[in-house]
């Protein structure tokens, strides 16, 4: 089942641009990861918020990606620019509710 993921990021004061540049680079990489169907960066500078929207072939593909990402150098760098832990929401797509 296709999985949609929203990751919400809150930059430290004064770090919005640095975080946005890093996130855009990371999103470019995720698009090439096996099982990734879509990855986009969502920017709201007026609210000091950055989000990432991803669609995956399966929840397992996303889980595999998270394990890989956690071992990358940019992942540690990302956390130095955050005011709080990232927020994660995932949703199963394509589930018919019936009539």
Protein backbone atom coordinates (compact mmCIF):
# COMPACT_ATOMS: atom_id res chain seq x y z
CA UNK A 1 0.00 0.00 0.00
CA UNK A 2 1.32 3.43 -0.92
CA UNK A 3 2.48 5.48 2.07
CA UNK A 4 2.43 9.30 2.29
CA UNK A 5 4.72 10.97 4.82
CA UNK A 6 4.83 14.55 6.08
CA UNK A 7 7.90 15.63 8.06
CA UNK A 8 7.62 18.99 9.84
CA UNK A 9 10.77 20.93 10.73
CA UNK A 10 11.16 23.96 13.02
CA UNK A 11 14.46 25.80 12.40
CA UNK A 12 16.43 27.47 15.15
CA UNK A 13 16.13 31.28 15.08
CA UNK A 14 18.25 32.66 12.25
CA UNK A 15 18.78 29.23 10.64
CA UNK A 16 15.82 29.11 8.24
CA UNK A 17 17.80 29.64 5.03
CA UNK A 18 20.58 27.23 6.01
CA UNK A 19 18.06 24.55 6.91
CA UNK A 20 16.03 25.12 3.74
CA UNK A 21 19.14 24.68 1.55
CA UNK A 22 20.13 21.48 3.38
CA UNK A 23 16.61 20.04 3.20
CA UNK A 24 16.38 20.73 -0.53
CA UNK A 25 19.65 18.83 -1.06
CA UNK A 26 18.41 15.92 1.04
CA UNK A 27 15.09 15.82 -0.85
CA UNK A 28 16.99 15.59 -4.15
CA UNK A 29 18.75 12.48 -2.78
CA UNK A 30 15.59 10.82 -1.51
CA UNK A 31 13.99 11.01 -4.96
CA UNK A 32 16.58 8.45 -6.15
CA UNK A 33 16.05 6.10 -3.20
CA UNK A 34 14.39 2.77 -4.10
CA UNK A 35 10.66 2.89 -3.40
CA UNK A 36 10.35 6.69 -3.40
CA UNK A 37 7.52 7.86 -5.66
CA UNK A 38 7.62 11.58 -4.79
CA UNK A 39 9.55 13.96 -2.54
CA UNK A 40 8.97 17.71 -2.25
CA UNK A 41 10.14 20.51 0.01
CA UNK A 42 7.40 22.78 1.42
CA UNK A 43 8.54 26.22 2.60
CA UNK A 44 6.69 28.75 4.79
CA UNK A 45 9.28 31.40 5.71
CA UNK A 46 6.62 33.71 7.19
CA UNK A 47 5.86 30.99 9.78
CA UNK A 48 9.49 29.80 10.10
CA UNK A 49 8.40 26.30 9.03
CA UNK A 50 9.76 23.77 6.60
CA UNK A 51 8.06 20.50 5.71
CA UNK A 52 8.84 17.56 3.49
CA UNK A 53 6.16 15.61 1.65
CA UNK A 54 7.02 12.11 0.43
CA UNK A 55 5.13 9.24 -1.19
CA UNK A 56 6.52 5.72 -0.93
CA UNK A 57 5.60 2.44 -2.59
CA UNK A 58 5.24 0.88 0.88
CA UNK A 59 5.70 1.73 4.55
CA UNK A 60 8.62 -0.72 4.53
CA UNK A 61 10.38 1.28 1.78
CA UNK A 62 10.08 4.41 3.93
CA UNK A 63 11.38 2.53 6.95
CA UNK A 64 14.39 1.31 4.96
CA UNK A 65 15.04 4.87 3.83
CA UNK A 66 14.94 6.18 7.42
CA UNK A 67 17.54 3.64 8.49
CA UNK A 68 19.79 4.65 5.60
CA UNK A 69 19.25 8.39 6.17
CA UNK A 70 20.02 8.17 9.88
CA UNK A 71 23.54 6.99 8.99
CA UNK A 72 24.26 9.91 6.62
CA UNK A 73 26.39 12.90 7.64
CA UNK A 74 23.75 15.43 6.57
CA UNK A 75 21.26 13.87 9.02
CA UNK A 76 23.44 14.89 11.98
CA UNK A 77 23.88 18.35 10.46
CA UNK A 78 20.11 18.68 10.06
CA UNK A 79 19.58 18.18 13.79
CA UNK A 80 22.01 20.99 14.67
CA UNK A 81 19.71 23.44 12.85
CA UNK A 82 16.44 22.37 14.50
CA UNK A 83 14.66 24.00 17.45
CA UNK A 84 12.74 20.76 18.15
CA UNK A 85 12.61 17.14 17.04
CA UNK A 86 11.04 16.68 13.59
CA UNK A 87 7.35 15.87 13.52
CA UNK A 88 6.38 12.79 11.48
CA UNK A 89 2.95 11.89 10.14
CA UNK A 90 2.29 9.00 7.80
CA UNK A 91 -0.84 7.96 5.97
CA UNK A 92 -1.77 4.87 3.95
CA UNK A 93 -3.00 5.93 0.51
CA UNK A 94 -5.39 4.10 -1.75
CA UNK A 95 -7.55 2.49 0.90
CA UNK A 96 -11.11 2.52 -0.38
CA UNK A 97 -13.69 3.21 2.30
CA UNK A 98 -16.47 1.35 0.50
CA UNK A 99 -19.92 2.63 -0.26
